[in-house]
Amino acid sequence: MKKSNSLKDFLTLTHRIMHLALQGLLRVDFLHETSKILMEFSACDSVEMWLRERGKFYRSEVKRATNQPFYFEIMPSGKDKQGRVIPDFKKCTCFEKICQDVFI
């Protein structure tokens, strides 16, 4: 049975992630550690995170039961008609379209 998280649990989660952010870790290390924290907190089997910074998109994924538990990539980017930087997907699945809409 999954336990429900309290406000105190979410505050603790926020403090753990902010503590990592203030350590000056490399992006890949920050995303890896944050993904592990989120996976532990949510009891999910995998977590995928996207980070947009200075016109670049970073994607990471961590999985609980796999031979490659962490994946990291810098996504290519392009510009839309309004000149906004957006991820340049090689193929555009429904999920990737949703991610693109969120980033814009």
N, C-alpha and C. Protein backbone atom coordinates (compact mmCIF):
# COMPACT_ATOMS: atom_id res chain seq x y z
N MET A 1 0.84 -1.17 0.00
CA MET A 1 0.00 0.00 0.00
C MET A 1 0.89 1.25 0.00
N LYS A 2 0.60 2.16 -0.93
CA LYS A 2 1.40 3.38 -1.06
C LYS A 2 1.01 4.38 0.01
N LYS A 3 2.02 4.91 0.66
CA LYS A 3 1.74 5.93 1.69
C LYS A 3 1.54 7.28 1.01
N SER A 4 0.76 8.11 1.63
CA SER A 4 0.55 9.45 1.10
C SER A 4 1.58 10.38 1.71
N ASN A 5 2.08 11.29 0.89
CA ASN A 5 3.11 12.21 1.34
C ASN A 5 2.48 13.44 1.98
N SER A 6 3.03 13.85 3.09
CA SER A 6 2.52 15.02 3.81
C SER A 6 3.25 16.27 3.33
N LEU A 7 2.76 17.41 3.78
CA LEU A 7 3.40 18.67 3.46
C LEU A 7 4.85 18.66 3.95
N LYS A 8 5.08 18.10 5.11
CA LYS A 8 6.44 18.02 5.66
C LYS A 8 7.34 17.20 4.73
N ASP A 9 6.80 16.12 4.15
CA ASP A 9 7.58 15.30 3.21
C ASP A 9 7.97 16.13 1.98
N PHE A 10 7.03 16.93 1.47
CA PHE A 10 7.32 17.75 0.30
C PHE A 10 8.33 18.84 0.63
N LEU A 11 8.26 19.40 1.82
CA LEU A 11 9.26 20.40 2.23
C LEU A 11 10.65 19.78 2.33
N THR A 12 10.71 18.58 2.87
CA THR A 12 11.99 17.87 2.96
C THR A 12 12.54 17.59 1.57
N LEU A 13 11.66 17.15 0.67
CA LEU A 13 12.07 16.90 -0.72
C LEU A 13 12.62 18.18 -1.35
N THR A 14 11.91 19.28 -1.19
CA THR A 14 12.35 20.56 -1.74
C THR A 14 13.71 20.97 -1.19
N HIS A 15 13.89 20.82 0.10
CA HIS A 15 15.18 21.18 0.72
C HIS A 15 16.31 20.30 0.20
N ARG A 16 16.06 19.02 0.02
CA ARG A 16 17.11 18.12 -0.51
C ARG A 16 17.52 18.54 -1.92
N ILE A 17 16.53 18.87 -2.76
CA ILE A 17 16.84 19.26 -4.14
C ILE A 17 17.54 20.61 -4.17
N MET A 18 17.07 21.56 -3.36
CA MET A 18 17.72 22.87 -3.32
C MET A 18 19.15 22.77 -2.78
N HIS A 19 19.36 21.89 -1.82
CA HIS A 19 20.72 21.67 -1.31
C HIS A 19 21.64 21.19 -2.43
N LEU A 20 21.15 20.28 -3.28
CA LEU A 20 21.95 19.82 -4.42
C LEU A 20 22.22 20.97 -5.39
N ALA A 21 21.20 21.79 -5.63
CA ALA A 21 21.34 22.90 -6.58
C ALA A 21 22.41 23.89 -6.12
N LEU A 22 22.54 24.06 -4.83
CA LEU A 22 23.51 25.03 -4.29
C LEU A 22 24.93 24.47 -4.17
N GLN A 23 25.11 23.19 -4.45
CA GLN A 23 26.45 22.59 -4.35
C GLN A 23 27.33 22.86 -5.56
N GLY A 24 26.74 23.37 -6.63
CA GLY A 24 27.53 23.66 -7.83
C GLY A 24 27.92 22.41 -8.60
N LEU A 25 27.08 21.39 -8.56
CA LEU A 25 27.36 20.15 -9.28
C LEU A 25 27.27 20.37 -10.78
N LEU A 26 27.95 19.53 -11.54
CA LEU A 26 27.77 19.53 -12.99
C LEU A 26 26.32 19.17 -13.29
N ARG A 27 25.78 19.65 -14.40
CA ARG A 27 24.38 19.36 -14.74
C ARG A 27 24.07 17.87 -14.71
N VAL A 28 24.95 17.08 -15.30
CA VAL A 28 24.71 15.65 -15.36
C VAL A 28 24.62 15.05 -13.96
N ASP A 29 25.48 15.49 -13.05
CA ASP A 29 25.45 14.98 -11.68
C ASP A 29 24.22 15.48 -10.92
N PHE A 30 23.86 16.75 -11.14
CA PHE A 30 22.66 17.29 -10.49
C PHE A 30 21.41 16.54 -10.94
N LEU A 31 21.27 16.34 -12.26
CA LEU A 31 20.10 15.62 -12.76
C LEU A 31 20.07 14.17 -12.28
N HIS A 32 21.22 13.54 -12.22
CA HIS A 32 21.29 12.15 -11.75
C HIS A 32 20.86 12.06 -10.29
N GLU A 33 21.43 12.88 -9.44
CA GLU A 33 21.11 12.82 -8.02
C GLU A 33 19.66 13.24 -7.74
N THR A 34 19.20 14.27 -8.43
CA THR A 34 17.81 14.71 -8.25
C THR A 34 16.83 13.65 -8.72
N SER A 35 17.15 12.99 -9.82
CA SER A 35 16.28 11.91 -10.32
C SER A 35 16.18 10.77 -9.32
N LYS A 36 17.30 10.43 -8.71
CA LYS A 36 17.28 9.37 -7.70
C LYS A 36 16.42 9.76 -6.50
N ILE A 37 16.53 11.02 -6.07
CA ILE A 37 15.73 11.50 -4.95
C ILE A 37 14.24 11.44 -5.31
N LEU A 38 13.89 11.89 -6.51
CA LEU A 38 12.49 11.88 -6.93
C LEU A 38 11.95 10.47 -7.08
N MET A 39 12.78 9.56 -7.58
CA MET A 39 12.35 8.17 -7.73
C MET A 39 12.09 7.55 -6.36
N GLU A 40 12.97 7.82 -5.41
CA GLU A 40 12.79 7.32 -4.05
C GLU A 40 11.53 7.91 -3.42
N PHE A 41 11.33 9.20 -3.57
CA PHE A 41 10.20 9.90 -2.97
C PHE A 41 8.86 9.42 -3.54
N SER A 42 8.83 9.24 -4.86
CA SER A 42 7.58 8.90 -5.52
C SER A 42 7.31 7.40 -5.60
N ALA A 43 8.33 6.59 -5.32
CA ALA A 43 8.24 5.13 -5.44
C ALA A 43 7.98 4.70 -6.88
N CYS A 44 8.41 5.52 -7.84
CA CYS A 44 8.28 5.17 -9.26
C CYS A 44 9.43 4.25 -9.68
N ASP A 45 9.24 3.59 -10.80
CA ASP A 45 10.29 2.73 -11.34
C ASP A 45 11.25 3.50 -12.25
N SER A 46 10.83 4.68 -12.69
CA SER A 46 11.72 5.50 -13.51
C SER A 46 11.30 6.96 -13.41
N VAL A 47 12.27 7.83 -13.69
CA VAL A 47 12.02 9.27 -13.69
C VAL A 47 12.77 9.85 -14.88
N GLU A 48 12.08 10.68 -15.66
CA GLU A 48 12.71 11.40 -16.76
C GLU A 48 12.62 12.89 -16.44
N MET A 49 13.74 13.58 -16.57
CA MET A 49 13.77 15.01 -16.28
C MET A 49 14.33 15.78 -17.47
N TRP A 50 13.78 16.96 -17.68
CA TRP A 50 14.26 17.88 -18.70
C TRP A 50 14.68 19.17 -18.00
N LEU A 51 15.77 19.75 -18.47
CA LEU A 51 16.26 21.02 -17.94
C LEU A 51 16.55 21.93 -19.12
N ARG A 52 16.01 23.12 -19.08
CA ARG A 52 16.31 24.12 -20.11
C ARG A 52 17.16 25.19 -19.46
N GLU A 53 18.31 25.45 -20.06
CA GLU A 53 19.21 26.46 -19.52
C GLU A 53 19.97 27.12 -20.65
N ARG A 54 19.84 28.44 -20.73
CA ARG A 54 20.57 29.24 -21.72
C ARG A 54 20.46 28.68 -23.14
N GLY A 55 19.25 28.34 -23.54
CA GLY A 55 19.03 27.88 -24.91
C GLY A 55 19.43 26.45 -25.18
N LYS A 56 19.77 25.69 -24.15
CA LYS A 56 20.09 24.28 -24.31
C LYS A 56 19.10 23.45 -23.50
N PHE A 57 18.85 22.24 -23.99
CA PHE A 57 17.96 21.32 -23.31
C PHE A 57 18.74 20.07 -22.91
N TYR A 58 18.60 19.72 -21.66
CA TYR A 58 19.27 18.53 -21.13
C TYR A 58 18.18 17.55 -20.71
N ARG A 59 18.36 16.28 -21.08
CA ARG A 59 17.38 15.26 -20.73
C ARG A 59 18.09 14.14 -19.99
N SER A 60 17.49 13.70 -18.91
CA SER A 60 18.05 12.56 -18.18
C SER A 60 16.94 11.60 -17.81
N GLU A 61 17.33 10.37 -17.65
CA GLU A 61 16.37 9.34 -17.26
C GLU A 61 17.07 8.35 -16.35
N VAL A 62 16.41 8.00 -15.27
CA VAL A 62 16.94 7.01 -14.35
C VAL A 62 15.88 5.92 -14.20
N LYS A 63 16.34 4.66 -14.22
CA LYS A 63 15.43 3.53 -14.10
C LYS A 63 15.90 2.62 -12.98
N ARG A 64 14.94 2.08 -12.27
CA ARG A 64 15.25 1.23 -11.12
C ARG A 64 15.86 -0.11 -11.54
N ALA A 65 15.23 -0.84 -12.41
CA ALA A 65 15.67 -2.20 -12.75
C ALA A 65 16.08 -2.27 -14.22
N THR A 66 17.33 -1.96 -14.50
CA THR A 66 17.83 -2.01 -15.87
C THR A 66 19.36 -2.10 -15.84
N ASN A 67 19.92 -2.52 -16.96
CA ASN A 67 21.38 -2.61 -17.02
C ASN A 67 22.01 -1.24 -17.29
N GLN A 68 21.22 -0.24 -17.71
CA GLN A 68 21.71 1.13 -17.87
C GLN A 68 20.80 2.02 -17.02
N PRO A 69 21.07 2.13 -15.71
CA PRO A 69 20.15 2.83 -14.82
C PRO A 69 20.08 4.34 -15.02
N PHE A 70 21.07 4.96 -15.69
CA PHE A 70 21.04 6.42 -15.88
C PHE A 70 21.41 6.76 -17.30
N TYR A 71 20.64 7.66 -17.90
CA TYR A 71 20.89 8.11 -19.26
C TYR A 71 20.85 9.63 -19.26
N PHE A 72 21.79 10.27 -19.98
CA PHE A 72 21.86 11.72 -20.06
C PHE A 72 22.19 12.13 -21.49
N GLU A 73 21.52 13.18 -21.96
CA GLU A 73 21.85 13.71 -23.29
C GLU A 73 21.57 15.20 -23.34
N ILE A 74 22.30 15.86 -24.21
CA ILE A 74 22.03 17.26 -24.52
C ILE A 74 21.23 17.23 -25.82
N MET A 75 20.02 17.75 -25.75
CA MET A 75 19.12 17.70 -26.90
C MET A 75 19.47 18.82 -27.87
N PRO A 76 19.44 18.51 -29.18
CA PRO A 76 19.62 19.61 -30.15
C PRO A 76 18.43 20.56 -30.05
N SER A 77 18.65 21.80 -30.40
CA SER A 77 17.56 22.78 -30.31
C SER A 77 17.45 23.56 -31.60
N GLY A 78 16.31 24.18 -31.78
CA GLY A 78 16.05 25.03 -32.93
C GLY A 78 15.21 26.20 -32.45
N LYS A 79 14.70 26.97 -33.40
CA LYS A 79 13.86 28.11 -33.04
C LYS A 79 12.52 27.97 -33.75
N ASP A 80 11.46 28.39 -33.04
CA ASP A 80 10.15 28.39 -33.66
C ASP A 80 9.94 29.69 -34.43
N LYS A 81 8.73 29.89 -34.97
CA LYS A 81 8.44 31.08 -35.78
C LYS A 81 8.58 32.38 -35.01
N GLN A 82 8.41 32.32 -33.70
CA GLN A 82 8.55 33.51 -32.86
C GLN A 82 9.99 33.72 -32.38
N GLY A 83 10.91 32.85 -32.77
CA GLY A 83 12.30 32.98 -32.38
C GLY A 83 12.65 32.37 -31.04
N ARG A 84 11.69 31.65 -30.44
CA ARG A 84 11.95 30.99 -29.15
C ARG A 84 12.71 29.69 -29.37
N VAL A 85 13.64 29.40 -28.48
CA VAL A 85 14.42 28.18 -28.56
C VAL A 85 13.53 27.02 -28.10
N ILE A 86 13.48 25.95 -28.92
CA ILE A 86 12.67 24.77 -28.61
C ILE A 86 13.51 23.53 -28.88
N PRO A 87 13.18 22.39 -28.24
CA PRO A 87 13.91 21.16 -28.53
C PRO A 87 13.66 20.74 -29.98
N ASP A 88 14.68 20.23 -30.63
CA ASP A 88 14.59 19.77 -32.01
C ASP A 88 14.54 18.25 -31.99
N PHE A 89 13.33 17.71 -31.94
CA PHE A 89 13.16 16.26 -31.87
C PHE A 89 13.39 15.63 -33.23
N LYS A 90 14.08 14.51 -33.24
CA LYS A 90 14.30 13.79 -34.48
C LYS A 90 12.98 13.20 -34.96
N LYS A 91 12.20 12.68 -34.05
CA LYS A 91 10.85 12.23 -34.32
C LYS A 91 9.99 12.90 -33.27
N CYS A 92 8.77 13.19 -33.58
CA CYS A 92 7.95 13.92 -32.63
C CYS A 92 6.78 13.05 -32.17
N THR A 93 6.99 12.34 -31.07
CA THR A 93 5.93 11.54 -30.49
C THR A 93 4.97 12.45 -29.75
N CYS A 94 3.85 11.93 -29.36
CA CYS A 94 2.87 12.72 -28.60
C CYS A 94 3.50 13.26 -27.32
N PHE A 95 4.28 12.40 -26.62
CA PHE A 95 4.92 12.84 -25.38
C PHE A 95 5.90 13.98 -25.65
N GLU A 96 6.69 13.85 -26.70
CA GLU A 96 7.65 14.89 -27.03
C GLU A 96 6.95 16.19 -27.43
N LYS A 97 5.79 16.10 -28.09
CA LYS A 97 5.01 17.29 -28.43
C LYS A 97 4.53 17.98 -27.16
N ILE A 98 4.08 17.20 -26.17
CA ILE A 98 3.66 17.78 -24.90
C ILE A 98 4.84 18.49 -24.23
N CYS A 99 6.02 17.85 -24.23
CA CYS A 99 7.22 18.47 -23.63
C CYS A 99 7.54 19.78 -24.36
N GLN A 100 7.46 19.77 -25.66
CA GLN A 100 7.75 20.96 -26.43
C GLN A 100 6.75 22.07 -26.08
N ASP A 101 5.47 21.73 -25.96
CA ASP A 101 4.47 22.73 -25.60
C ASP A 101 4.71 23.31 -24.21
N VAL A 102 5.18 22.48 -23.28
CA VAL A 102 5.46 22.94 -21.93
C VAL A 102 6.65 23.89 -21.92
N PHE A 103 7.68 23.60 -22.71
CA PHE A 103 8.88 24.44 -22.73
C PHE A 103 8.62 25.81 -23.34
N ILE A 104 7.66 25.89 -24.22
CA ILE A 104 7.40 27.17 -24.91
C ILE A 104 6.56 28.00 -24.05
